[in-house]
Protein backbone atom coordinates (compact mmCIF):
# COMPACT_ATOMS: atom_id res chain seq x y z
CA MET A 1 -15.45 28.34 27.46
CA PHE A 2 -14.46 24.85 26.37
CA PHE A 3 -12.37 24.30 23.30
CA LEU A 4 -11.33 21.19 21.46
CA SER A 5 -8.47 22.27 19.24
CA TYR A 6 -6.99 20.01 16.61
CA HIS A 7 -5.13 20.08 13.34
CA SER A 8 -3.58 17.81 10.76
CA CYS A 9 -0.59 15.60 11.50
CA VAL A 10 0.23 15.38 7.78
CA GLU A 11 2.83 18.11 8.09
CA HIS A 12 4.44 16.72 11.21
CA GLY A 13 4.45 13.02 10.36
CA LYS A 14 3.55 12.07 13.93
CA VAL A 15 1.03 9.63 15.30
CA TYR A 16 -1.05 11.03 18.13
CA LYS A 17 -2.16 8.58 20.79
CA GLN A 18 -4.87 8.79 23.37
CA PHE A 19 -3.95 9.89 26.89
CA TRP A 20 -5.79 7.52 29.26
CA ALA A 21 -6.48 9.56 32.37
CA ALA A 22 -10.13 10.40 32.40
CA ASP A 23 -13.58 9.14 33.11
CA VAL A 24 -15.24 9.27 29.69
CA ASN A 25 -13.68 8.57 26.33
CA VAL A 26 -15.59 10.08 23.42
CA LEU A 27 -14.94 9.51 19.73
CA LEU A 28 -16.48 12.22 17.55
CA LEU A 29 -17.25 11.89 13.88
CA ILE A 30 -17.44 15.35 12.36
CA GLY A 31 -18.84 16.25 8.94
CA GLN A 32 -21.38 14.74 6.61
CA LYS A 33 -19.81 11.29 6.16
CA ARG A 34 -21.25 9.61 9.24
CA ASP A 35 -21.67 6.04 8.07
CA CYS A 36 -18.06 4.89 8.07
CA HIS A 37 -17.50 2.05 10.56
CA SER A 38 -14.42 -0.09 11.05
CA SER A 39 -13.85 -3.31 12.89
CA ASN A 40 -11.79 -3.20 16.05
CA SER A 41 -10.95 -6.88 15.82
CA GLU A 42 -7.39 -7.96 15.20
CA ASN A 43 -6.43 -9.12 11.73
CA THR A 44 -6.34 -12.82 12.58
CA LYS A 45 -3.91 -14.81 10.46
CA PRO A 46 -4.29 -18.47 9.59
CA SER A 47 -2.29 -21.06 11.45
CA MET A 48 -0.50 -23.84 9.63
CA GLU A 49 -3.05 -26.37 10.90
CA GLU A 50 -5.95 -24.37 9.53
CA LEU A 51 -4.70 -24.57 5.98
CA ASN A 52 -4.70 -27.44 3.54
CA GLU A 53 -1.70 -29.62 4.34
CA ALA A 54 -1.08 -30.25 0.66
CA SER A 55 -0.55 -26.58 -0.03
CA ILE A 56 2.23 -26.17 2.52
CA ALA A 57 4.22 -29.33 1.89
CA VAL A 58 7.99 -28.89 1.88
CA PRO A 59 10.19 -31.04 -0.38
CA ASP A 60 12.29 -33.67 1.43
CA CYS A 61 15.46 -32.19 -0.06
CA LEU A 62 14.94 -29.08 2.08
CA ARG A 63 14.16 -30.79 5.38
CA ALA A 64 16.73 -31.22 8.09
CA GLU A 65 17.52 -34.83 8.93
CA GLY A 66 15.23 -36.12 11.67
CA SER A 67 13.32 -32.87 11.89
CA ASP A 68 10.19 -31.31 10.49
CA GLU A 69 11.89 -27.95 10.35
CA CYS A 70 13.24 -26.78 7.03
CA ALA A 71 17.00 -26.98 6.67
CA ILE A 72 16.89 -23.59 5.02
CA ARG A 73 16.24 -22.04 8.43
CA ARG A 74 19.82 -22.80 9.42
CA ILE A 75 21.41 -21.26 6.31
CA PRO A 76 21.65 -17.50 6.87
CA SER A 77 23.62 -17.07 3.64
CA ALA A 78 21.14 -19.04 1.56
CA LEU A 79 20.16 -15.97 -0.41
CA CYS A 80 23.69 -15.78 -1.79
CA SER A 81 23.71 -19.42 -2.88
CA PHE A 82 21.27 -18.82 -5.71
CA VAL A 83 21.47 -16.01 -8.23
CA ASP A 84 18.64 -15.49 -10.67
CA PRO A 85 20.46 -15.32 -14.03
CA PHE A 86 17.99 -12.65 -15.14
CA CYS A 87 18.48 -10.55 -12.00
CA ASP A 88 22.24 -10.69 -11.45
CA PRO A 89 23.51 -7.48 -9.78
CA LYS A 90 26.90 -7.99 -11.46
CA LYS A 91 25.33 -8.28 -14.91
CA PRO A 92 22.18 -6.14 -15.03
CA VAL A 93 19.92 -6.69 -18.04
CA LYS A 94 18.44 -3.72 -19.85
CA THR A 95 14.95 -4.16 -21.27
CA THR A 96 14.46 -2.50 -24.66
CA PHE A 97 11.54 -0.64 -26.18
CA SER A 98 11.06 -3.50 -28.62
CA ASP A 99 10.58 -5.81 -25.62
CA ILE A 100 7.78 -3.58 -24.36
CA SER A 101 6.19 -3.48 -27.82
CA SER A 102 6.40 -7.27 -27.99
CA ALA A 103 4.80 -7.54 -24.56
CA ALA A 104 1.94 -5.24 -25.58
CA PHE A 105 1.21 -7.42 -28.61
CA ASN A 106 1.46 -10.74 -26.81
CA ILE A 107 -0.59 -9.95 -23.71
CA ARG A 108 -3.31 -7.93 -25.45
CA ASP A 109 -5.86 -10.76 -25.31
CA GLY A 110 -5.08 -11.81 -21.76
CA ILE A 111 -5.22 -8.60 -19.73
CA ASN A 112 -7.68 -5.73 -19.46
CA ARG A 113 -6.92 -2.48 -21.25
CA THR A 114 -7.85 -0.43 -18.21
CA PRO A 115 -9.46 3.00 -18.63
CA THR A 116 -7.71 6.28 -17.93
CA ILE A 117 -10.34 8.73 -16.73
CA LYS A 118 -10.23 12.39 -15.81
CA SER A 119 -11.26 13.41 -12.31
CA ASP A 120 -12.95 16.80 -12.41
CA ALA A 121 -13.09 16.99 -8.62
CA PHE A 122 -9.38 16.38 -8.06
CA SER A 123 -8.44 18.49 -11.07
CA SER A 124 -10.20 21.44 -9.47
CA MET A 125 -8.78 20.63 -6.04
CA PHE A 126 -5.13 20.63 -7.14
CA ASP A 127 -5.32 22.99 -10.14
CA VAL A 128 -4.19 20.32 -12.61
CA GLU A 129 -5.85 18.18 -15.25
CA LEU A 130 -5.63 14.96 -13.28
CA PHE A 131 -6.31 11.57 -14.86
CA PHE A 132 -6.27 8.16 -13.18
CA LYS A 133 -5.03 5.00 -14.89
CA GLN A 134 -7.24 2.40 -13.18
CA GLU A 135 -5.07 -0.70 -12.99
CA PHE A 136 -7.05 -1.94 -9.99
CA LEU A 137 -9.66 -3.06 -12.54
CA GLN A 138 -7.53 -6.00 -13.67
CA VAL A 139 -9.02 -9.43 -12.85
CA THR A 140 -6.77 -9.97 -9.82
CA GLY A 141 -6.88 -6.31 -8.82
CA SER A 142 -3.44 -5.00 -9.81
CA PHE A 143 -1.05 -4.08 -12.62
CA LYS A 144 1.09 -7.13 -11.78
CA GLU A 145 -0.88 -9.18 -14.28
CA ARG A 146 0.90 -7.58 -17.22
CA GLY A 147 4.41 -8.62 -16.26
CA ALA A 148 3.32 -12.00 -14.93
CA ARG A 149 1.54 -12.99 -18.13
CA PHE A 150 4.37 -11.88 -20.42
CA ALA A 151 6.97 -13.68 -18.31
CA LEU A 152 4.91 -16.87 -18.49
CA MET A 153 4.43 -16.55 -22.23
CA ARG A 154 8.19 -16.28 -22.72
CA LEU A 155 8.89 -19.66 -21.12
CA THR A 156 10.32 -22.50 -23.17
CA LYS A 157 8.22 -25.61 -23.79
CA GLU A 158 10.18 -27.50 -21.14
CA GLN A 159 9.80 -24.69 -18.60
CA ARG A 160 6.05 -24.58 -19.23
CA GLN A 161 5.80 -28.25 -18.30
CA ILE A 162 7.92 -27.93 -15.15
CA GLY A 163 6.29 -24.70 -14.01
CA VAL A 164 7.52 -21.60 -12.21
CA ILE A 165 7.97 -20.38 -8.65
CA ALA A 166 7.82 -16.96 -7.03
CA ALA A 167 7.83 -15.36 -3.59
CA SER A 168 5.13 -12.81 -2.88
CA ALA A 169 2.78 -11.73 -0.13
CA GLY A 170 0.06 -10.60 -2.49
CA ASN A 171 -0.36 -9.11 -5.93
CA HIS A 172 2.46 -10.87 -7.81
CA ALA A 173 1.37 -14.22 -6.38
CA LEU A 174 -2.23 -13.60 -7.43
CA ALA A 175 -1.25 -12.48 -10.93
CA LEU A 176 1.11 -15.41 -11.50
CA ALA A 177 -1.41 -17.93 -10.16
CA TYR A 178 -4.24 -16.57 -12.31
CA HIS A 179 -2.33 -16.40 -15.58
CA GLY A 180 -0.56 -19.68 -14.91
CA HIS A 181 -4.03 -21.22 -14.63
CA GLN A 182 -5.12 -19.49 -17.84
CA LEU A 183 -2.05 -20.70 -19.76
CA GLY A 184 -1.91 -24.18 -18.23
CA ILE A 185 1.44 -23.61 -16.50
CA PRO A 186 2.03 -25.01 -12.96
CA VAL A 187 2.71 -22.23 -10.47
CA THR A 188 4.17 -22.43 -6.97
CA VAL A 189 4.06 -19.36 -4.75
CA VAL A 190 5.90 -19.02 -1.45
CA MET A 191 4.12 -16.65 0.91
CA PRO A 192 4.93 -15.53 4.47
CA LYS A 193 3.04 -17.42 7.18
CA PHE A 194 1.06 -14.30 8.00
CA ALA A 195 -0.09 -13.58 4.45
CA PRO A 196 -3.81 -12.67 4.31
CA LEU A 197 -6.01 -15.75 4.19
CA MET A 198 -8.06 -14.22 1.38
CA LYS A 199 -5.01 -13.99 -0.90
CA ILE A 200 -3.91 -17.51 0.00
CA SER A 201 -7.37 -18.82 -0.86
CA CYS A 202 -7.45 -16.89 -4.15
CA CYS A 203 -4.10 -18.35 -5.23
CA GLU A 204 -5.32 -21.85 -4.39
CA SER A 205 -8.53 -21.25 -6.33
CA TYR A 206 -6.35 -20.81 -9.43
CA ASN A 207 -4.76 -24.22 -8.73
CA ALA A 208 -1.47 -22.69 -7.59
CA LYS A 209 0.58 -24.57 -5.00
CA VAL A 210 0.96 -22.32 -1.98
CA ILE A 211 3.85 -22.80 0.45
CA LEU A 212 3.79 -20.80 3.66
CA HIS A 213 7.25 -20.06 4.99
CA GLY A 214 8.88 -17.34 7.06
CA LEU A 215 7.59 -14.43 9.06
CA HIS A 216 8.19 -11.89 6.29
CA ILE A 217 8.73 -11.73 2.54
CA GLN A 218 12.52 -11.87 2.71
CA GLU A 219 12.44 -15.28 4.42
CA ALA A 220 9.88 -16.47 1.88
CA LYS A 221 12.12 -15.28 -0.96
CA ILE A 222 15.18 -17.11 0.40
CA PHE A 223 13.16 -20.30 0.64
CA ALA A 224 11.79 -19.85 -2.90
CA TYR A 225 15.32 -19.32 -4.24
CA GLU A 226 16.51 -22.55 -2.65
CA LEU A 227 13.49 -24.48 -3.86
CA ALA A 228 14.03 -23.18 -7.41
CA LYS A 229 17.63 -24.38 -7.32
CA HIS A 230 16.85 -27.84 -5.91
CA GLU A 231 13.84 -28.50 -8.14
CA ASN A 232 15.23 -26.76 -11.26
CA ILE A 233 12.18 -24.51 -11.44
CA LYS A 234 12.34 -21.07 -13.02
CA TYR A 235 12.06 -18.31 -10.43
CA ILE A 236 10.14 -15.23 -11.58
CA ASN A 237 11.06 -12.06 -9.72
CA GLY A 238 8.03 -9.86 -9.20
CA PHE A 239 9.70 -6.56 -10.08
CA ASP A 240 13.15 -7.17 -11.58
CA ASN A 241 12.69 -9.89 -14.18
CA PRO A 242 13.27 -8.27 -17.62
CA ASP A 243 10.10 -9.80 -19.04
CA VAL A 244 8.11 -8.56 -16.05
CA ILE A 245 9.52 -5.05 -16.53
CA ALA A 246 8.59 -5.16 -20.22
CA GLY A 247 5.05 -6.20 -19.34
CA GLN A 248 4.65 -3.37 -16.83
CA GLY A 249 5.94 -0.92 -19.43
CA THR A 250 2.83 -1.51 -21.54
CA ILE A 251 0.99 0.76 -19.11
CA GLY A 252 3.05 3.66 -20.45
CA LEU A 253 2.05 2.84 -24.03
CA GLU A 254 -1.63 2.75 -23.09
CA ILE A 255 -1.45 6.07 -21.23
CA LEU A 256 0.07 7.85 -24.23
CA ASP A 257 -2.62 6.35 -26.44
CA GLN A 258 -5.48 7.25 -24.10
CA VAL A 259 -4.47 10.77 -22.99
CA SER A 260 -3.29 13.25 -25.59
CA ASN A 261 -0.71 15.91 -24.75
CA VAL A 262 0.07 14.47 -21.33
CA ASP A 263 2.69 16.49 -19.42
CA ALA A 264 3.57 14.14 -16.56
CA ILE A 265 2.97 10.60 -15.33
CA VAL A 266 3.07 9.82 -11.60
CA VAL A 267 4.16 6.27 -10.80
CA PRO A 268 4.17 4.41 -7.44
CA VAL A 269 7.62 2.95 -6.73
CA GLY A 270 8.46 -0.19 -4.78
CA GLY A 271 10.96 -2.57 -6.33
CA GLY A 272 11.26 -0.31 -9.37
CA GLY A 273 10.02 -2.56 -12.17
CA LEU A 274 6.92 -0.51 -12.92
CA ILE A 275 8.60 2.88 -13.13
CA ALA A 276 11.51 1.46 -15.12
CA GLY A 277 9.18 -0.01 -17.75
CA VAL A 278 6.84 2.98 -17.89
CA ALA A 279 9.74 5.46 -18.08
CA LEU A 280 11.38 3.56 -20.95
CA ALA A 281 8.14 3.38 -22.94
CA VAL A 282 7.21 7.01 -22.36
CA LYS A 283 10.64 8.56 -22.84
CA THR A 284 11.17 6.61 -26.07
CA LEU A 285 7.99 7.97 -27.64
CA LYS A 286 7.67 11.34 -25.89
CA PRO A 287 10.88 12.36 -24.10
CA GLN A 288 9.34 15.68 -22.99
CA VAL A 289 6.84 13.93 -20.70
CA LEU A 290 7.88 14.00 -17.05
CA VAL A 291 8.06 10.66 -15.22
CA ILE A 292 7.74 11.12 -11.45
CA GLY A 293 8.12 8.34 -8.90
CA VAL A 294 6.44 8.29 -5.48
CA GLU A 295 7.63 6.16 -2.56
CA SER A 296 6.52 5.71 1.01
CA GLU A 297 8.81 7.56 3.39
CA MET A 298 8.78 4.38 5.51
CA CYS A 299 10.91 2.66 2.86
CA PRO A 300 12.52 4.98 0.26
CA SER A 301 14.71 2.19 -1.12
CA PHE A 302 14.61 3.26 -4.78
CA LYS A 303 15.50 6.85 -3.92
CA ASN A 304 18.42 5.60 -1.84
CA ALA A 305 19.58 3.35 -4.69
CA VAL A 306 19.44 6.15 -7.26
CA GLU A 307 21.33 8.47 -4.91
CA GLN A 308 23.76 5.61 -4.15
CA ARG A 309 23.12 5.68 -0.42
CA ASP A 310 24.29 2.54 1.30
CA GLU A 311 21.71 2.70 4.07
CA PRO A 312 20.13 -0.58 5.25
CA LEU A 313 16.35 -0.32 5.36
CA HIS A 314 14.10 -2.28 7.68
CA PRO A 315 10.54 -1.57 6.51
CA GLU A 316 7.97 -1.23 9.26
CA SER A 317 4.27 -1.81 8.90
CA SER A 318 2.95 0.58 6.30
CA LEU A 319 -0.33 1.38 4.58
CA ALA A 320 1.64 1.07 1.35
CA ASP A 321 2.96 -2.39 2.19
CA GLY A 322 3.23 -3.23 -1.51
CA LEU A 323 6.00 -0.64 -1.81
CA ALA A 324 7.95 -1.76 1.28
CA VAL A 325 10.81 -3.39 -0.62
CA PRO A 326 14.12 -3.12 1.30
CA THR A 327 16.25 -3.92 -1.76
CA VAL A 328 15.16 -2.66 -5.18
CA GLY A 329 15.78 -4.43 -8.47
CA ASP A 330 19.24 -4.09 -9.99
CA ASN A 331 17.84 -4.29 -13.51
CA ALA A 332 15.22 -1.67 -12.68
CA VAL A 333 17.74 0.82 -11.29
CA PHE A 334 20.07 0.18 -14.23
CA MET A 335 17.25 0.78 -16.71
CA ALA A 336 15.76 3.82 -15.00
CA GLU A 337 19.01 5.77 -14.93
CA GLY A 338 18.44 9.08 -16.68
CA LEU A 339 14.75 8.38 -17.36
CA ILE A 340 13.14 9.51 -14.09
CA ASP A 341 12.63 13.25 -13.61
CA ASP A 342 11.75 13.29 -9.91
CA LEU A 343 11.35 11.02 -6.89
CA VAL A 344 9.28 12.09 -3.90
CA THR A 345 8.26 10.39 -0.67
CA VAL A 346 4.95 10.61 1.20
CA CYS A 347 4.00 9.98 4.83
CA GLU A 348 1.48 7.51 6.21
CA GLU A 349 -1.07 10.19 7.06
CA SER A 350 -1.24 11.49 3.49
CA ILE A 351 -1.61 7.92 2.19
CA ALA A 352 -4.54 7.29 4.55
CA LEU A 353 -6.18 10.52 3.43
CA ALA A 354 -5.60 9.64 -0.24
CA ILE A 355 -7.34 6.26 0.22
CA LEU A 356 -10.26 8.04 1.89
CA ARG A 357 -10.47 10.70 -0.84
CA LEU A 358 -10.46 8.08 -3.62
CA LEU A 359 -13.22 6.18 -1.85
CA GLU A 360 -15.40 9.23 -1.31
CA VAL A 361 -14.74 11.17 -4.51
CA GLN A 362 -13.87 8.54 -7.13
CA LYS A 363 -15.89 5.72 -5.53
CA ALA A 364 -12.77 3.56 -5.95
CA VAL A 365 -11.26 1.19 -3.40
CA VAL A 366 -7.49 1.54 -3.86
CA GLU A 367 -4.75 0.02 -1.72
CA GLY A 368 -2.12 2.20 -0.09
CA ALA A 369 0.57 1.40 -2.66
CA GLY A 370 -1.75 2.53 -5.43
CA ALA A 371 -2.81 5.74 -3.70
CA VAL A 372 0.65 7.26 -3.15
CA GLY A 373 0.37 9.34 -6.33
CA LEU A 374 -2.66 11.19 -5.00
CA ALA A 375 -0.97 11.34 -1.59
CA ALA A 376 1.87 13.28 -3.22
CA PHE A 377 -0.62 15.89 -4.44
CA ILE A 378 -2.34 16.04 -1.05
CA SER A 379 0.96 16.61 0.76
CA GLY A 380 2.00 19.36 -1.66
CA LYS A 381 4.98 17.46 -3.09
CA LEU A 382 3.76 17.99 -6.69
CA ASP A 383 2.63 21.61 -6.56
CA TYR A 384 5.01 22.41 -9.42
CA LEU A 385 2.66 20.51 -11.76
CA ARG A 386 -0.10 23.14 -11.46
CA GLY A 387 -1.73 23.80 -14.81
CA LYS A 388 -0.31 20.58 -16.30
CA ARG A 389 -2.04 17.49 -17.68
CA VAL A 390 -1.07 14.65 -15.34
CA VAL A 391 -1.81 10.92 -15.15
CA SER A 392 -1.50 9.09 -11.83
CA ILE A 393 -1.42 5.29 -11.93
CA LEU A 394 -3.73 3.59 -9.42
CA THR A 395 -1.80 0.34 -9.37
CA GLY A 396 -4.03 -1.90 -7.27
CA GLY A 397 -7.09 -2.34 -5.10
CA ASN A 398 -6.24 -5.38 -2.99
CA ILE A 399 -6.65 -3.96 0.49
CA ASP A 400 -7.84 -6.15 3.36
CA THR A 401 -11.27 -5.22 4.64
CA THR A 402 -10.03 -4.94 8.23
CA VAL A 403 -7.18 -2.68 7.11
CA LEU A 404 -9.59 -0.62 5.00
CA GLY A 405 -11.78 0.06 8.01
CA ARG A 406 -8.88 1.26 10.13
CA THR A 407 -7.51 3.28 7.21
CA ILE A 408 -10.81 5.07 6.73
CA GLU A 409 -10.84 6.08 10.40
CA ARG A 410 -7.23 7.21 10.20
CA GLY A 411 -8.03 9.28 7.12
CA LEU A 412 -11.00 10.85 8.88
CA ALA A 413 -8.75 11.75 11.81
CA VAL A 414 -6.16 13.34 9.53
CA ASP A 415 -8.96 15.23 7.80
CA GLY A 416 -10.15 16.60 11.13
CA ARG A 417 -13.47 14.77 10.96
CA LEU A 418 -12.81 12.13 13.61
CA ILE A 419 -11.64 13.25 17.05
CA LYS A 420 -10.91 11.33 20.24
CA PHE A 421 -10.81 12.99 23.64
CA ASP A 422 -11.22 12.24 27.35
CA ILE A 423 -13.40 14.15 29.77
CA VAL A 424 -14.58 13.80 33.38
CA VAL A 425 -18.31 14.19 33.98
CA SER A 426 -20.25 14.34 37.22
CA ASP A 427 -21.41 10.87 38.31
CA ARG A 428 -25.04 11.82 38.78
CA PRO A 429 -28.28 11.16 36.93
CA GLY A 430 -28.39 13.15 33.71
CA GLY A 431 -24.67 13.95 33.65
CA MET A 432 -23.96 11.90 30.56
CA ALA A 433 -27.09 13.20 28.84
CA GLU A 434 -25.94 16.78 29.34
CA LEU A 435 -22.58 16.00 27.77
CA THR A 436 -24.04 14.28 24.72
CA SER A 437 -26.61 17.04 24.31
CA GLU A 438 -23.93 19.73 24.19
CA ILE A 439 -21.89 17.72 21.69
CA GLY A 440 -24.97 17.29 19.53
CA LYS A 441 -25.56 21.04 19.47
CA THR A 442 -22.22 21.51 17.67
CA GLY A 443 -23.35 19.30 14.78
CA ALA A 444 -21.02 16.43 15.64
CA SER A 445 -22.18 12.84 16.03
CA ILE A 446 -20.74 10.46 18.61
CA LYS A 447 -19.29 7.38 16.97
CA ASP A 448 -18.18 5.56 20.13
CA LEU A 449 -18.42 6.39 23.82
CA PHE A 450 -16.65 4.47 26.60
CA HIS A 451 -17.70 5.12 30.19
CA GLU A 452 -14.95 4.25 32.70
CA ARG A 453 -15.82 4.47 36.41
CA ALA A 454 -12.84 2.67 37.92
CA TRP A 455 -10.10 5.12 36.94
CA LEU A 456 -10.91 8.67 37.92
CA ALA A 457 -8.77 11.77 37.97
CA ALA A 458 -9.77 15.03 39.59
CA ASN A 459 -7.69 17.18 37.29
CA VAL A 460 -7.27 15.54 33.88
CA TYR A 461 -5.88 18.35 31.73
CA SER A 462 -4.44 21.66 32.85
CA GLU A 463 -3.73 23.00 29.41
CA LEU A 464 -4.85 22.49 25.84
CA ILE A 465 -2.42 20.37 23.80
CA THR A 466 -2.37 21.07 20.08
CA HIS A 467 -0.16 19.27 17.59
CA LEU A 468 -2.29 18.80 14.51
CA GLY A 469 -1.73 22.00 12.42
CA LYS A 470 -3.51 25.28 11.91
CA LYS A 471 -5.92 24.66 9.07
CA TYR A 472 -8.83 23.59 11.31
CA LYS A 473 -11.00 25.81 13.46
CA GLN A 474 -11.58 25.35 17.16
CA ILE A 475 -14.68 23.56 18.42
CA SER A 476 -16.31 25.12 21.44
CA PHE A 477 -18.77 23.65 23.94
CA PRO A 478 -19.95 26.77 25.79
CA GLY A 479 -22.87 24.97 27.43
CA LEU A 480 -20.60 22.66 29.39
CA LEU A 481 -19.37 25.47 31.67
CA SER A 482 -22.74 25.72 33.33
CA HIS A 483 -22.48 22.09 34.42
CA ASN A 484 -19.11 22.39 36.22
CA LEU A 485 -17.33 20.18 33.72
CA PRO A 486 -13.59 20.56 33.02
CA ARG A 487 -12.53 23.79 31.43
CA LYS A 488 -10.48 22.23 28.65
CA ILE A 489 -10.53 19.18 26.42
CA GLY A 490 -7.45 18.18 24.47
CA ILE A 491 -5.44 15.52 22.75
CA ARG A 492 -2.04 14.64 24.15
CA ASP A 493 0.66 12.74 22.21
CA GLU A 494 2.79 10.14 23.98
């Protein structure tokens, strides 16, 4: 009898790769959701030549003499040459509750008061009363609008005329560009060269000046710091500026107003500005409410900072890229001290499954950084909240369409509904038809099938390899034995 055994890699945190040693590669889609397709094309990034030259101009003061390259490239200590006076690690600034109240009053006409809705399906699934604060319904798709607008409104008349600058690969840049356009304030955003073209175009559509610099956000930030110093432009930190923190804290006020008798609030954590603001607002009004932070295990920088671990982090590619901040905000950590009840981390597999669950159950497209709260429930990190009334903040929905497609497939794989395996079939008329017929009898549909004739192996697998958990049942193909096909089908990790 043939068996295809599989289980979830959520518990093991491993990525299982295909073992290329067979004739036919079959990708099975199991379950009722059979219409999910993703693109296999690479996420092509714009080249400098493809973009508007005006949007990537570099001031002469930052160019090396006789070269088109920026002088900043040759200053490895440039980050230390400029200190944001509002984000000085030696003099952390503590936002007050009155600052959050002021922010709520001032931004009320410029941002959406997003709904907080109860999910009956997830409440039943996790034995909690689970509500979602839908911040992805802001105009630019994320909670970042709150802090960006309040920070812009706090500028002096002179600063409003000169404008502001920020470094961001996504949501902060979009929020600052949009509200700068609304308030008539010039905005410059420095983005990494490989920032998504869609986000670059959106920023430009709000009349923001976009400068592409560096291969990652840290290089973009160094360049933005130097440009702010040379041009005397105010730099607005996306997660550690006190006004930004105050603006993000208004989410906490809205949650307490929208959900009565809430027991806990689950907050995604990246640079720390959101959880610092929300924790201050909530603990001031209702100190008994638990404030729980959730980070990606790929970059637990806030947890390390709170526990005073001096461990350098080098974030890798993550589904929750919005939380991949190697160095958290000094003001945020200073503020959050004593206000956060728990910090948990979640793996990539649970994040992928959370995105899939939100899409299927809530009909909501949420980015990885916004889905980590649900991922914490899925991975069992918040089981102690059973029977409680809980609000999870869905912070944003700006996920690239190509990434969304791959994430859906990854979530299906984690959920045991998408399986890839190799098998050798007899190279004779009807051989492939017999294979597909037997697969169809099990109720599975074939999503993709690749027939390889050049690389054959007489004995592909000698034993069944299982690494994916125990919660899924085995799939058997008893009819294949009668056709002299291999006795076992498996998945091997590399």
